[in-house]
Each structure stands twice: as C-alpha cells, then as structure tokens.
Amino acid sequence: MRFALTLCVTLAACGGGDDGPDPEQACRDFADSLADMCVRCFPADPDAYSTCYDFVIQDLANGDCANVKSVRDATELYDECLPWMRTVACSVVTTPGFKVDSSCQGQLEL
C-alpha cells in the first residue's frame, strides 16, 4: 500500500480556487473516498482505511481539513475523481507506478 500513498502526494496543491462547495467537506469527502478505495483494494490490511484517510488529512491537508482553503475544480472532483476512486480496478491501483486519475490531482488547495 506504500506506493499508493507515495503517489497520492501529487493530489494536493497550493493556490486559489473557485466558489465551489465547502473546502473542508470536500477534503473529508476526498479522504473518505480514497480510504474506501484502499479498503477495497487492500482487504488484507486491517488498517487500510485509517492509513489512507490519515494520509490525506496529515499530508495533503497539513493536519486538518480546515487548512484546505479551496478546491481546484469541484465539478471535476465530485463528477469524475470521487466516482473514479469508487470504481477503479484494484489491479490498476496495485500496479507499480500507479497514478491517480488526473481529475484527482491538485484538488485540495491549501
């Protein structure tokens, strides 16, 4: 599972954003979707959910979703990224060099 966490570092960015949904809730939604993907794709790991959820909070949201000031593209996040996390084949997620879908990259802006 370490490779999935390493590649997820590219998901956060700094900068401005639009007037989309509450950034803090978007962060929690993102973390929950990523954690669900980890549980689905790493069923033998009893800590998969907490490891992935905490990764988003600690590494992408700088310790708290309240630190997320904006979402790069809320429509893309909710219409493409989160559904992608729910449906991506685990064979893709567990492949060395795995990268998240471009719709997920840079969504959480600090």
PDB file of N, CA and C in Angstrom:
ATOM      1  N   MET A   1       0.827  -1.192   0.000  1.00  0.00           N
ATOM      2  CA  MET A   1       0.000   0.000   0.000  1.00  0.00           C
ATOM      3  C   MET A   1       0.868   1.252   0.000  1.00  0.00           C
ATOM      4  N   ARG A   2       2.117   1.134   0.370  1.00  0.00           N
ATOM      5  CA  ARG A   2       3.000   2.291   0.458  1.00  0.00           C
ATOM      6  C   ARG A   2       3.059   3.056  -0.863  1.00  0.00           C
ATOM      7  N   PHE A   3       3.108   2.345  -2.004  1.00  0.00           N
ATOM      8  CA  PHE A   3       3.196   3.018  -3.294  1.00  0.00           C
ATOM      9  C   PHE A   3       1.974   3.886  -3.553  1.00  0.00           C
ATOM     10  N   ALA A   4       0.805   3.450  -3.121  1.00  0.00           N
ATOM     11  CA  ALA A   4      -0.412   4.245  -3.330  1.00  0.00           C
ATOM     12  C   ALA A   4      -0.316   5.549  -2.553  1.00  0.00           C
ATOM     13  N   LEU A   5       0.208   5.485  -1.352  1.00  0.00           N
ATOM     14  CA  LEU A   5       0.337   6.690  -0.549  1.00  0.00           C
ATOM     15  C   LEU A   5       1.385   7.628  -1.124  1.00  0.00           C
ATOM     16  N   THR A   6       2.468   7.071  -1.603  1.00  0.00           N
ATOM     17  CA  THR A   6       3.525   7.895  -2.189  1.00  0.00           C
ATOM     18  C   THR A   6       3.005   8.661  -3.400  1.00  0.00           C
ATOM     19  N   LEU A   7       2.256   8.008  -4.243  1.00  0.00           N
ATOM     20  CA  LEU A   7       1.764   8.653  -5.443  1.00  0.00           C
ATOM     21  C   LEU A   7       0.659   9.651  -5.164  1.00  0.00           C
ATOM     22  N   CYS A   8      -0.001   9.501  -4.051  1.00  0.00           N
ATOM     23  CA  CYS A   8      -1.082  10.425  -3.720  1.00  0.00           C
ATOM     24  C   CYS A   8      -0.566  11.795  -3.309  1.00  0.00           C
ATOM     25  N   VAL A   9       0.718  11.916  -3.065  1.00  0.00           N
ATOM     26  CA  VAL A   9       1.282  13.204  -2.693  1.00  0.00           C
ATOM     27  C   VAL A   9       0.971  14.249  -3.754  1.00  0.00           C
ATOM     28  N   THR A  10       0.838  13.842  -4.979  1.00  0.00           N
ATOM     29  CA  THR A  10       0.578  14.780  -6.066  1.00  0.00           C
ATOM     30  C   THR A  10      -0.854  15.297  -6.066  1.00  0.00           C
ATOM     31  N   LEU A  11      -1.659  14.856  -5.142  1.00  0.00           N
ATOM     32  CA  LEU A  11      -3.055  15.257  -5.134  1.00  0.00           C
ATOM     33  C   LEU A  11      -3.281  16.658  -4.589  1.00  0.00           C
ATOM     34  N   ALA A  12      -2.398  17.164  -3.752  1.00  0.00           N
ATOM     35  CA  ALA A  12      -2.608  18.468  -3.134  1.00  0.00           C
ATOM     36  C   ALA A  12      -1.785  19.526  -3.855  1.00  0.00           C
ATOM     37  N   ALA A  13      -2.248  20.750  -3.762  1.00  0.00           N
ATOM     38  CA  ALA A  13      -1.535  21.876  -4.359  1.00  0.00           C
ATOM     39  C   ALA A  13      -1.840  23.120  -3.541  1.00  0.00           C
ATOM     40  N   CYS A  14      -1.096  24.149  -3.772  1.00  0.00           N
ATOM     41  CA  CYS A  14      -1.352  25.423  -3.119  1.00  0.00           C
ATOM     42  C   CYS A  14      -1.865  26.396  -4.170  1.00  0.00           C
ATOM     43  N   GLY A  15      -2.740  27.274  -3.760  1.00  0.00           N
ATOM     44  CA  GLY A  15      -3.222  28.269  -4.706  1.00  0.00           C
ATOM     45  C   GLY A  15      -4.651  28.638  -4.464  1.00  0.00           C
ATOM     46  N   GLY A  16      -5.208  29.389  -5.378  1.00  0.00           N
ATOM     47  CA  GLY A  16      -6.574  29.871  -5.265  1.00  0.00           C
ATOM     48  C   GLY A  16      -7.552  28.842  -5.770  1.00  0.00           C
ATOM     49  N   GLY A  17      -8.829  29.219  -5.800  1.00  0.00           N
ATOM     50  CA  GLY A  17      -9.831  28.285  -6.247  1.00  0.00           C
ATOM     51  C   GLY A  17     -11.093  29.003  -6.634  1.00  0.00           C
ATOM     52  N   ASP A  18     -12.167  28.239  -6.786  1.00  0.00           N
ATOM     53  CA  ASP A  18     -13.429  28.824  -7.194  1.00  0.00           C
ATOM     54  C   ASP A  18     -14.386  28.896  -6.014  1.00  0.00           C
ATOM     55  N   ASP A  19     -15.609  29.267  -6.275  1.00  0.00           N
ATOM     56  CA  ASP A  19     -16.618  29.377  -5.224  1.00  0.00           C
ATOM     57  C   ASP A  19     -17.430  28.096  -5.137  1.00  0.00           C
ATOM     58  N   GLY A  20     -16.769  26.962  -5.071  1.00  0.00           N
ATOM     59  CA  GLY A  20     -17.435  25.669  -5.036  1.00  0.00           C
ATOM     60  C   GLY A  20     -17.910  25.309  -3.647  1.00  0.00           C
ATOM     61  N   PRO A  21     -18.050  24.029  -3.381  1.00  0.00           N
ATOM     62  CA  PRO A  21     -18.544  23.561  -2.093  1.00  0.00           C
ATOM     63  C   PRO A  21     -17.547  23.852  -0.979  1.00  0.00           C
ATOM     64  N   ASP A  22     -17.994  23.671   0.227  1.00  0.00           N
ATOM     65  CA  ASP A  22     -17.152  23.883   1.401  1.00  0.00           C
ATOM     66  C   ASP A  22     -15.857  23.077   1.261  1.00  0.00           C
ATOM     67  N   PRO A  23     -14.713  23.736   1.238  1.00  0.00           N
ATOM     68  CA  PRO A  23     -13.438  23.029   1.042  1.00  0.00           C
ATOM     69  C   PRO A  23     -13.161  21.991   2.138  1.00  0.00           C
ATOM     70  N   GLU A  24     -13.576  22.284   3.346  1.00  0.00           N
ATOM     71  CA  GLU A  24     -13.344  21.340   4.438  1.00  0.00           C
ATOM     72  C   GLU A  24     -14.136  20.049   4.211  1.00  0.00           C
ATOM     73  N   GLN A  25     -15.369  20.181   3.776  1.00  0.00           N
ATOM     74  CA  GLN A  25     -16.180  18.993   3.481  1.00  0.00           C
ATOM     75  C   GLN A  25     -15.632  18.257   2.269  1.00  0.00           C
ATOM     76  N   ALA A  26     -15.182  18.993   1.266  1.00  0.00           N
ATOM     77  CA  ALA A  26     -14.586  18.361   0.086  1.00  0.00           C
ATOM     78  C   ALA A  26     -13.356  17.545   0.491  1.00  0.00           C
ATOM     79  N   CYS A  27     -12.582  18.057   1.410  1.00  0.00           N
ATOM     80  CA  CYS A  27     -11.411  17.334   1.917  1.00  0.00           C
ATOM     81  C   CYS A  27     -11.837  16.042   2.587  1.00  0.00           C
ATOM     82  N   ARG A  28     -12.854  16.108   3.426  1.00  0.00           N
ATOM     83  CA  ARG A  28     -13.345  14.897   4.103  1.00  0.00           C
ATOM     84  C   ARG A  28     -13.907  13.896   3.095  1.00  0.00           C
ATOM     85  N   ASP A  29     -14.617  14.389   2.087  1.00  0.00           N
ATOM     86  CA  ASP A  29     -15.157  13.509   1.048  1.00  0.00           C
ATOM     87  C   ASP A  29     -14.032  12.831   0.279  1.00  0.00           C
ATOM     88  N   PHE A  30     -13.001  13.609  -0.032  1.00  0.00           N
ATOM     89  CA  PHE A  30     -11.835  13.090  -0.747  1.00  0.00           C
ATOM     90  C   PHE A  30     -11.142  12.014   0.090  1.00  0.00           C
ATOM     91  N   ALA A  31     -10.908  12.327   1.367  1.00  0.00           N
ATOM     92  CA  ALA A  31     -10.236  11.382   2.260  1.00  0.00           C
ATOM     93  C   ALA A  31     -11.043  10.098   2.404  1.00  0.00           C
ATOM     94  N   ASP A  32     -12.345  10.236   2.543  1.00  0.00           N
ATOM     95  CA  ASP A  32     -13.211   9.072   2.695  1.00  0.00           C
ATOM     96  C   ASP A  32     -13.194   8.206   1.434  1.00  0.00           C
ATOM     97  N   SER A  33     -13.246   8.832   0.275  1.00  0.00           N
ATOM     98  CA  SER A  33     -13.231   8.076  -0.981  1.00  0.00           C
ATOM     99  C   SER A  33     -11.901   7.363  -1.187  1.00  0.00           C
ATOM    100  N   LEU A  34     -10.811   8.043  -0.879  1.00  0.00           N
ATOM    101  CA  LEU A  34      -9.500   7.408  -1.016  1.00  0.00           C
ATOM    102  C   LEU A  34      -9.386   6.246  -0.039  1.00  0.00           C
ATOM    103  N   ALA A  35      -9.842   6.445   1.190  1.00  0.00           N
ATOM    104  CA  ALA A  35      -9.774   5.390   2.202  1.00  0.00           C
ATOM    105  C   ALA A  35     -10.629   4.189   1.798  1.00  0.00           C
ATOM    106  N   ASP A  36     -11.808   4.458   1.247  1.00  0.00           N
ATOM    107  CA  ASP A  36     -12.657   3.357   0.769  1.00  0.00           C
ATOM    108  C   ASP A  36     -11.964   2.581  -0.354  1.00  0.00           C
ATOM    109  N   MET A  37     -11.278   3.296  -1.239  1.00  0.00           N
ATOM    110  CA  MET A  37     -10.538   2.636  -2.309  1.00  0.00           C
ATOM    111  C   MET A  37      -9.440   1.748  -1.713  1.00  0.00           C
ATOM    112  N   CYS A  38      -8.760   2.224  -0.696  1.00  0.00           N
ATOM    113  CA  CYS A  38      -7.699   1.432  -0.057  1.00  0.00           C
ATOM    114  C   CYS A  38      -8.263   0.172   0.586  1.00  0.00           C
ATOM    115  N   VAL A  39      -9.405   0.284   1.254  1.00  0.00           N
ATOM    116  CA  VAL A  39     -10.040  -0.885   1.867  1.00  0.00           C
ATOM    117  C   VAL A  39     -10.419  -1.900   0.795  1.00  0.00           C
ATOM    118  N   ARG A  40     -10.986  -1.414  -0.282  1.00  0.00           N
ATOM    119  CA  ARG A  40     -11.423  -2.291  -1.364  1.00  0.00           C
ATOM    120  C   ARG A  40     -10.241  -2.997  -2.022  1.00  0.00           C
ATOM    121  N   CYS A  41      -9.139  -2.279  -2.186  1.00  0.00           N
ATOM    122  CA  CYS A  41      -8.005  -2.829  -2.933  1.00  0.00           C
ATOM    123  C   CYS A  41      -6.936  -3.487  -2.062  1.00  0.00           C
ATOM    124  N   PHE A  42      -6.991  -3.263  -0.763  1.00  0.00           N
ATOM    125  CA  PHE A  42      -6.030  -3.874   0.166  1.00  0.00           C
ATOM    126  C   PHE A  42      -6.794  -4.526   1.318  1.00  0.00           C
ATOM    127  N   PRO A  43      -7.658  -5.504   0.999  1.00  0.00           N
ATOM    128  CA  PRO A  43      -8.534  -6.082   2.020  1.00  0.00           C
ATOM    129  C   PRO A  43      -7.798  -6.802   3.150  1.00  0.00           C
ATOM    130  N   ALA A  44      -6.585  -7.237   2.920  1.00  0.00           N
ATOM    131  CA  ALA A  44      -5.837  -7.940   3.963  1.00  0.00           C
ATOM    132  C   ALA A  44      -5.243  -6.987   4.998  1.00  0.00           C
ATOM    133  N   ASP A  45      -5.270  -5.695   4.719  1.00  0.00           N
ATOM    134  CA  ASP A  45      -4.698  -4.707   5.634  1.00  0.00           C
ATOM    135  C   ASP A  45      -5.801  -4.159   6.537  1.00  0.00           C
ATOM    136  N   PRO A  46      -5.796  -4.538   7.818  1.00  0.00           N
ATOM    137  CA  PRO A  46      -6.852  -4.070   8.718  1.00  0.00           C
ATOM    138  C   PRO A  46      -6.802  -2.566   8.977  1.00  0.00           C
ATOM    139  N   ASP A  47      -5.691  -1.941   8.651  1.00  0.00           N
ATOM    140  CA  ASP A  47      -5.536  -0.501   8.868  1.00  0.00           C
ATOM    141  C   ASP A  47      -5.656   0.309   7.583  1.00  0.00           C
ATOM    142  N   ALA A  48      -6.115  -0.311   6.515  1.00  0.00           N
ATOM    143  CA  ALA A  48      -6.145   0.360   5.215  1.00  0.00           C
ATOM    144  C   ALA A  48      -6.945   1.656   5.262  1.00  0.00           C
ATOM    145  N   TYR A  49      -8.134   1.615   5.852  1.00  0.00           N
ATOM    146  CA  TYR A  49      -8.978   2.821   5.878  1.00  0.00           C
ATOM    147  C   TYR A  49      -8.277   3.942   6.637  1.00  0.00           C
ATOM    148  N   SER A  50      -7.867   3.662   7.862  1.00  0.00           N
ATOM    149  CA  SER A  50      -7.272   4.728   8.683  1.00  0.00           C
ATOM    150  C   SER A  50      -5.950   5.222   8.106  1.00  0.00           C
ATOM    151  N   THR A  51      -5.169   4.327   7.535  1.00  0.00           N
ATOM    152  CA  THR A  51      -3.890   4.737   6.946  1.00  0.00           C
ATOM    153  C   THR A  51      -4.108   5.721   5.802  1.00  0.00           C
ATOM    154  N   CYS A  52      -5.020   5.403   4.908  1.00  0.00           N
ATOM    155  CA  CYS A  52      -5.259   6.267   3.749  1.00  0.00           C
ATOM    156  C   CYS A  52      -5.992   7.552   4.138  1.00  0.00           C
ATOM    157  N   TYR A  53      -6.975   7.441   5.013  1.00  0.00           N
ATOM    158  CA  TYR A  53      -7.709   8.632   5.464  1.00  0.00           C
ATOM    159  C   TYR A  53      -6.741   9.590   6.165  1.00  0.00           C
ATOM    160  N   ASP A  54      -5.952   9.041   7.082  1.00  0.00           N
ATOM    161  CA  ASP A  54      -4.997   9.874   7.814  1.00  0.00           C
ATOM    162  C   ASP A  54      -3.945  10.480   6.897  1.00  0.00           C
ATOM    163  N   PHE A  55      -3.578   9.749   5.842  1.00  0.00           N
ATOM    164  CA  PHE A  55      -2.616  10.288   4.878  1.00  0.00           C
ATOM    165  C   PHE A  55      -3.153  11.580   4.258  1.00  0.00           C
ATOM    166  N   VAL A  56      -4.396  11.562   3.844  1.00  0.00           N
ATOM    167  CA  VAL A  56      -4.984  12.762   3.247  1.00  0.00           C
ATOM    168  C   VAL A  56      -4.977  13.903   4.258  1.00  0.00           C
ATOM    169  N   ILE A  57      -5.432  13.621   5.459  1.00  0.00           N
ATOM    170  CA  ILE A  57      -5.522  14.674   6.478  1.00  0.00           C
ATOM    171  C   ILE A  57      -4.135  15.212   6.825  1.00  0.00           C
ATOM    172  N   GLN A  58      -3.212  14.310   7.120  1.00  0.00           N
ATOM    173  CA  GLN A  58      -1.891  14.740   7.574  1.00  0.00           C
ATOM    174  C   GLN A  58      -1.032  15.317   6.448  1.00  0.00           C
ATOM    175  N   ASP A  59      -0.972  14.634   5.338  1.00  0.00           N
ATOM    176  CA  ASP A  59      -0.033  15.020   4.286  1.00  0.00           C
ATOM    177  C   ASP A  59      -0.615  15.973   3.250  1.00  0.00           C
ATOM    178  N   LEU A  60      -1.870  15.816   2.918  1.00  0.00           N
ATOM    179  CA  LEU A  60      -2.449  16.656   1.871  1.00  0.00           C
ATOM    180  C   LEU A  60      -3.182  17.869   2.434  1.00  0.00           C
ATOM    181  N   ALA A  61      -3.693  17.747   3.669  1.00  0.00           N
ATOM    182  CA  ALA A  61      -4.425  18.857   4.278  1.00  0.00           C
ATOM    183  C   ALA A  61      -3.632  19.488   5.422  1.00  0.00           C
ATOM    184  N   ASN A  62      -2.361  19.163   5.505  1.00  0.00           N
ATOM    185  CA  ASN A  62      -1.480  19.740   6.515  1.00  0.00           C
ATOM    186  C   ASN A  62      -2.031  19.557   7.928  1.00  0.00           C
ATOM    187  N   GLY A  63      -2.586  18.369   8.195  1.00  0.00           N
ATOM    188  CA  GLY A  63      -3.012  18.023   9.537  1.00  0.00           C
ATOM    189  C   GLY A  63      -4.478  18.222   9.858  1.00  0.00           C
ATOM    190  N   ASP A  64      -5.214  18.937   9.017  1.00  0.00           N
ATOM    191  CA  ASP A  64      -6.619  19.218   9.319  1.00  0.00           C
ATOM    192  C   ASP A  64      -7.309  19.701   8.048  1.00  0.00           C
ATOM    193  N   CYS A  65      -8.480  19.164   7.775  1.00  0.00           N
ATOM    194  CA  CYS A  65      -9.217  19.601   6.585  1.00  0.00           C
ATOM    195  C   CYS A  65      -9.573  21.083   6.644  1.00  0.00           C
ATOM    196  N   ALA A  66      -9.566  21.668   7.823  1.00  0.00           N
ATOM    197  CA  ALA A  66      -9.822  23.109   7.955  1.00  0.00           C
ATOM    198  C   ALA A  66      -8.736  23.927   7.259  1.00  0.00           C
ATOM    199  N   ASN A  67      -7.588  23.317   6.992  1.00  0.00           N
ATOM    200  CA  ASN A  67      -6.496  24.012   6.297  1.00  0.00           C
ATOM    201  C   ASN A  67      -6.725  24.111   4.795  1.00  0.00           C
ATOM    202  N   VAL A  68      -7.656  23.340   4.263  1.00  0.00           N
ATOM    203  CA  VAL A  68      -7.941  23.389   2.830  1.00  0.00           C
ATOM    204  C   VAL A  68      -8.781  24.634   2.571  1.00  0.00           C
ATOM    205  N   LYS A  69      -8.258  25.520   1.774  1.00  0.00           N
ATOM    206  CA  LYS A  69      -8.910  26.820   1.525  1.00  0.00           C
ATOM    207  C   LYS A  69      -9.795  26.822   0.293  1.00  0.00           C
ATOM    208  N   SER A  70      -9.509  25.918  -0.637  1.00  0.00           N
ATOM    209  CA  SER A  70     -10.322  25.871  -1.849  1.00  0.00           C
ATOM    210  C   SER A  70     -10.147  24.524  -2.534  1.00  0.00           C
ATOM    211  N   VAL A  71     -11.022  24.303  -3.501  1.00  0.00           N
ATOM    212  CA  VAL A  71     -10.976  23.096  -4.327  1.00  0.00           C
ATOM    213  C   VAL A  71     -10.689  23.557  -5.748  1.00  0.00           C
ATOM    214  N   ARG A  72      -9.735  22.910  -6.382  1.00  0.00           N
ATOM    215  CA  ARG A  72      -9.331  23.317  -7.733  1.00  0.00           C
ATOM    216  C   ARG A  72     -10.510  23.324  -8.704  1.00  0.00           C
ATOM    217  N   ASP A  73     -11.284  22.239  -8.725  1.00  0.00           N
ATOM    218  CA  ASP A  73     -12.415  22.122  -9.643  1.00  0.00           C
ATOM    219  C   ASP A  73     -13.428  21.184  -9.006  1.00  0.00           C
ATOM    220  N   ALA A  74     -14.405  21.754  -8.318  1.00  0.00           N
ATOM    221  CA  ALA A  74     -15.369  20.958  -7.557  1.00  0.00           C
ATOM    222  C   ALA A  74     -16.180  20.023  -8.453  1.00  0.00           C
ATOM    223  N   THR A  75     -16.562  20.485  -9.616  1.00  0.00           N
ATOM    224  CA  THR A  75     -17.326  19.630 -10.529  1.00  0.00           C
ATOM    225  C   THR A  75     -16.499  18.414 -10.911  1.00  0.00           C
ATOM    226  N   GLU A  76     -15.265  18.632 -11.260  1.00  0.00           N
ATOM    227  CA  GLU A  76     -14.384  17.526 -11.618  1.00  0.00           C
ATOM    228  C   GLU A  76     -14.155  16.598 -10.425  1.00  0.00           C
ATOM    229  N   LEU A  77     -14.003  17.166  -9.237  1.00  0.00           N
ATOM    230  CA  LEU A  77     -13.800  16.359  -8.038  1.00  0.00           C
ATOM    231  C   LEU A  77     -14.985  15.427  -7.809  1.00  0.00           C
ATOM    232  N   TYR A  78     -16.187  16.000  -7.804  1.00  0.00           N
ATOM    233  CA  TYR A  78     -17.375  15.203  -7.473  1.00  0.00           C
ATOM    234  C   TYR A  78     -17.919  14.369  -8.637  1.00  0.00           C
ATOM    235  N   ASP A  79     -17.732  14.834  -9.853  1.00  0.00           N
ATOM    236  CA  ASP A  79     -18.291  14.113 -11.006  1.00  0.00           C
ATOM    237  C   ASP A  79     -17.320  13.130 -11.651  1.00  0.00           C
ATOM    238  N   GLU A  80     -16.021  13.320 -11.429  1.00  0.00           N
ATOM    239  CA  GLU A  80     -15.033  12.454 -12.060  1.00  0.00           C
ATOM    240  C   GLU A  80     -14.111  11.754 -11.058  1.00  0.00           C
ATOM    241  N   CYS A  81     -13.467  12.529 -10.202  1.00  0.00           N
ATOM    242  CA  CYS A  81     -12.466  11.964  -9.294  1.00  0.00           C
ATOM    243  C   CYS A  81     -13.061  10.973  -8.302  1.00  0.00           C
ATOM    244  N   LEU A  82     -14.047  11.404  -7.519  1.00  0.00           N
ATOM    245  CA  LEU A  82     -14.597  10.526  -6.484  1.00  0.00           C
ATOM    246  C   LEU A  82     -15.249   9.277  -7.090  1.00  0.00           C
ATOM    247  N   PRO A  83     -16.006   9.404  -8.177  1.00  0.00           N
ATOM    248  CA  PRO A  83     -16.516   8.176  -8.811  1.00  0.00           C
ATOM    249  C   PRO A  83     -15.389   7.270  -9.328  1.00  0.00           C
ATOM    250  N   TRP A  84     -14.321   7.869  -9.830  1.00  0.00           N
ATOM    251  CA  TRP A  84     -13.182   7.085 -10.298  1.00  0.00           C
ATOM    252  C   TRP A  84     -12.597   6.271  -9.141  1.00  0.00           C
ATOM    253  N   MET A  85     -12.438   6.909  -7.975  1.00  0.00           N
ATOM    254  CA  MET A  85     -11.894   6.186  -6.818  1.00  0.00           C
ATOM    255  C   MET A  85     -12.790   5.010  -6.428  1.00  0.00           C
ATOM    256  N   ARG A  86     -14.088   5.165  -6.601  1.00  0.00           N
ATOM    257  CA  ARG A  86     -15.029   4.100  -6.238  1.00  0.00           C
ATOM    258  C   ARG A  86     -15.015   2.947  -7.236  1.00  0.00           C
ATOM    259  N   THR A  87     -14.567   3.194  -8.460  1.00  0.00           N
ATOM    260  CA  THR A  87     -14.700   2.173  -9.496  1.00  0.00           C
ATOM    261  C   THR A  87     -13.388   1.701 -10.123  1.00  0.00           C
ATOM    262  N   VAL A  88     -12.290   2.363  -9.859  1.00  0.00           N
ATOM    263  CA  VAL A  88     -11.031   1.960 -10.474  1.00  0.00           C
ATOM    264  C   VAL A  88     -10.715   0.516 -10.079  1.00  0.00           C
ATOM    265  N   ALA A  89     -10.245  -0.240 -11.032  1.00  0.00           N
ATOM    266  CA  ALA A  89      -9.904  -1.641 -10.779  1.00  0.00           C
ATOM    267  C   ALA A  89      -8.719  -1.723  -9.821  1.00  0.00           C
ATOM    268  N   CYS A  90      -8.822  -2.620  -8.873  1.00  0.00           N
ATOM    269  CA  CYS A  90      -7.729  -2.792  -7.915  1.00  0.00           C
ATOM    270  C   CYS A  90      -6.449  -3.247  -8.596  1.00  0.00           C
ATOM    271  N   SER A  91      -6.576  -3.925  -9.728  1.00  0.00           N
ATOM    272  CA  SER A  91      -5.379  -4.325 -10.469  1.00  0.00           C
ATOM    273  C   SER A  91      -4.619  -3.099 -10.963  1.00  0.00           C
ATOM    274  N   VAL A  92      -5.321  -2.000 -11.185  1.00  0.00           N
ATOM    275  CA  VAL A  92      -4.680  -0.746 -11.565  1.00  0.00           C
ATOM    276  C   VAL A  92      -4.010  -0.116 -10.344  1.00  0.00           C
ATOM    277  N   VAL A  93      -4.725  -0.092  -9.235  1.00  0.00           N
ATOM    278  CA  VAL A  93      -4.226   0.540  -8.005  1.00  0.00           C
ATOM    279  C   VAL A  93      -2.981  -0.172  -7.490  1.00  0.00           C
ATOM    280  N   THR A  94      -2.927  -1.471  -7.630  1.00  0.00           N
ATOM    281  CA  THR A  94      -1.804  -2.238  -7.091  1.00  0.00           C
ATOM    282  C   THR A  94      -0.642  -2.393  -8.075  1.00  0.00           C
ATOM    283  N   THR A  95      -0.746  -1.792  -9.236  1.00  0.00           N
ATOM    284  CA  THR A  95       0.325  -1.849 -10.230  1.00  0.00           C
ATOM    285  C   THR A  95       1.438  -0.871  -9.854  1.00  0.00           C
ATOM    286  N   PRO A  96       2.696  -1.325  -9.898  1.00  0.00           N
ATOM    287  CA  PRO A  96       3.798  -0.396  -9.645  1.00  0.00           C
ATOM    288  C   PRO A  96       3.716   0.801 -10.597  1.00  0.00           C
ATOM    289  N   GLY A  97       3.952   1.967 -10.075  1.00  0.00           N
ATOM    290  CA  GLY A  97       3.866   3.176 -10.882  1.00  0.00           C
ATOM    291  C   GLY A  97       2.462   3.740 -10.971  1.00  0.00           C
ATOM    292  N   PHE A  98       1.530   3.188 -10.209  1.00  0.00           N
ATOM    293  CA  PHE A  98       0.144   3.655 -10.189  1.00  0.00           C
ATOM    294  C   PHE A  98       0.085   5.166  -9.966  1.00  0.00           C
ATOM    295  N   LYS A  99      -0.759   5.808 -10.742  1.00  0.00           N
ATOM    296  CA  LYS A  99      -1.017   7.240 -10.568  1.00  0.00           C
ATOM    297  C   LYS A  99      -2.517   7.441 -10.534  1.00  0.00           C
ATOM    298  N   VAL A 100      -2.934   8.350  -9.672  1.00  0.00           N
ATOM    299  CA  VAL A 100      -4.355   8.640  -9.598  1.00  0.00           C
ATOM    300  C   VAL A 100      -4.794   9.345 -10.870  1.00  0.00           C
ATOM    301  N   ASP A 101      -6.074   9.285 -11.123  1.00  0.00           N
ATOM    302  CA  ASP A 101      -6.652   9.932 -12.285  1.00  0.00           C
ATOM    303  C   ASP A 101      -6.353  11.432 -12.243  1.00  0.00           C
ATOM    304  N   SER A 102      -6.183  12.030 -13.407  1.00  0.00           N
ATOM    305  CA  SER A 102      -5.874  13.466 -13.466  1.00  0.00           C
ATOM    306  C   SER A 102      -6.976  14.314 -12.837  1.00  0.00           C
ATOM    307  N   SER A 103      -8.202  13.803 -12.804  1.00  0.00           N
ATOM    308  CA  SER A 103      -9.297  14.558 -12.190  1.00  0.00           C
ATOM    309  C   SER A 103      -9.125  14.693 -10.683  1.00  0.00           C
ATOM    310  N   CYS A 104      -8.242  13.898 -10.094  1.00  0.00           N
ATOM    311  CA  CYS A 104      -7.998  13.943  -8.651  1.00  0.00           C
ATOM    312  C   CYS A 104      -6.794  14.796  -8.282  1.00  0.00           C
ATOM    313  N   GLN A 105      -5.954  15.041  -9.230  1.00  0.00           N
ATOM    314  CA  GLN A 105      -4.684  15.711  -8.937  1.00  0.00           C
ATOM    315  C   GLN A 105      -4.870  17.196  -8.658  1.00  0.00           C
ATOM    316  N   GLY A 106      -4.232  17.658  -7.587  1.00  0.00           N
ATOM    317  CA  GLY A 106      -4.225  19.074  -7.224  1.00  0.00           C
ATOM    318  C   GLY A 106      -5.570  19.615  -6.771  1.00  0.00           C
ATOM    319  N   GLN A 107      -6.481  18.772  -6.343  1.00  0.00           N
ATOM    320  CA  GLN A 107      -7.814  19.237  -5.983  1.00  0.00           C
ATOM    321  C   GLN A 107      -7.855  20.009  -4.667  1.00  0.00           C
ATOM    322  N   LEU A 108      -7.103  19.589  -3.680  1.00  0.00           N
ATOM    323  CA  LEU A 108      -7.149  20.232  -2.368  1.00  0.00           C
ATOM    324  C   LEU A 108      -6.090  21.324  -2.304  1.00  0.00           C
ATOM    325  N   GLU A 109      -6.554  22.556  -2.249  1.00  0.00           N
ATOM    326  CA  GLU A 109      -5.631  23.701  -2.277  1.00  0.00           C
ATOM    327  C   GLU A 109      -5.559  24.335  -0.890  1.00  0.00           C
ATOM    328  N   LEU A 110      -4.311  24.424  -0.397  1.00  0.00           N
ATOM    329  CA  LEU A 110      -4.075  24.984   0.937  1.00  0.00           C
ATOM    330  C   LEU A 110      -3.874  26.480   0.889  1.00  0.00           C
TER     331      LEU A 110
END
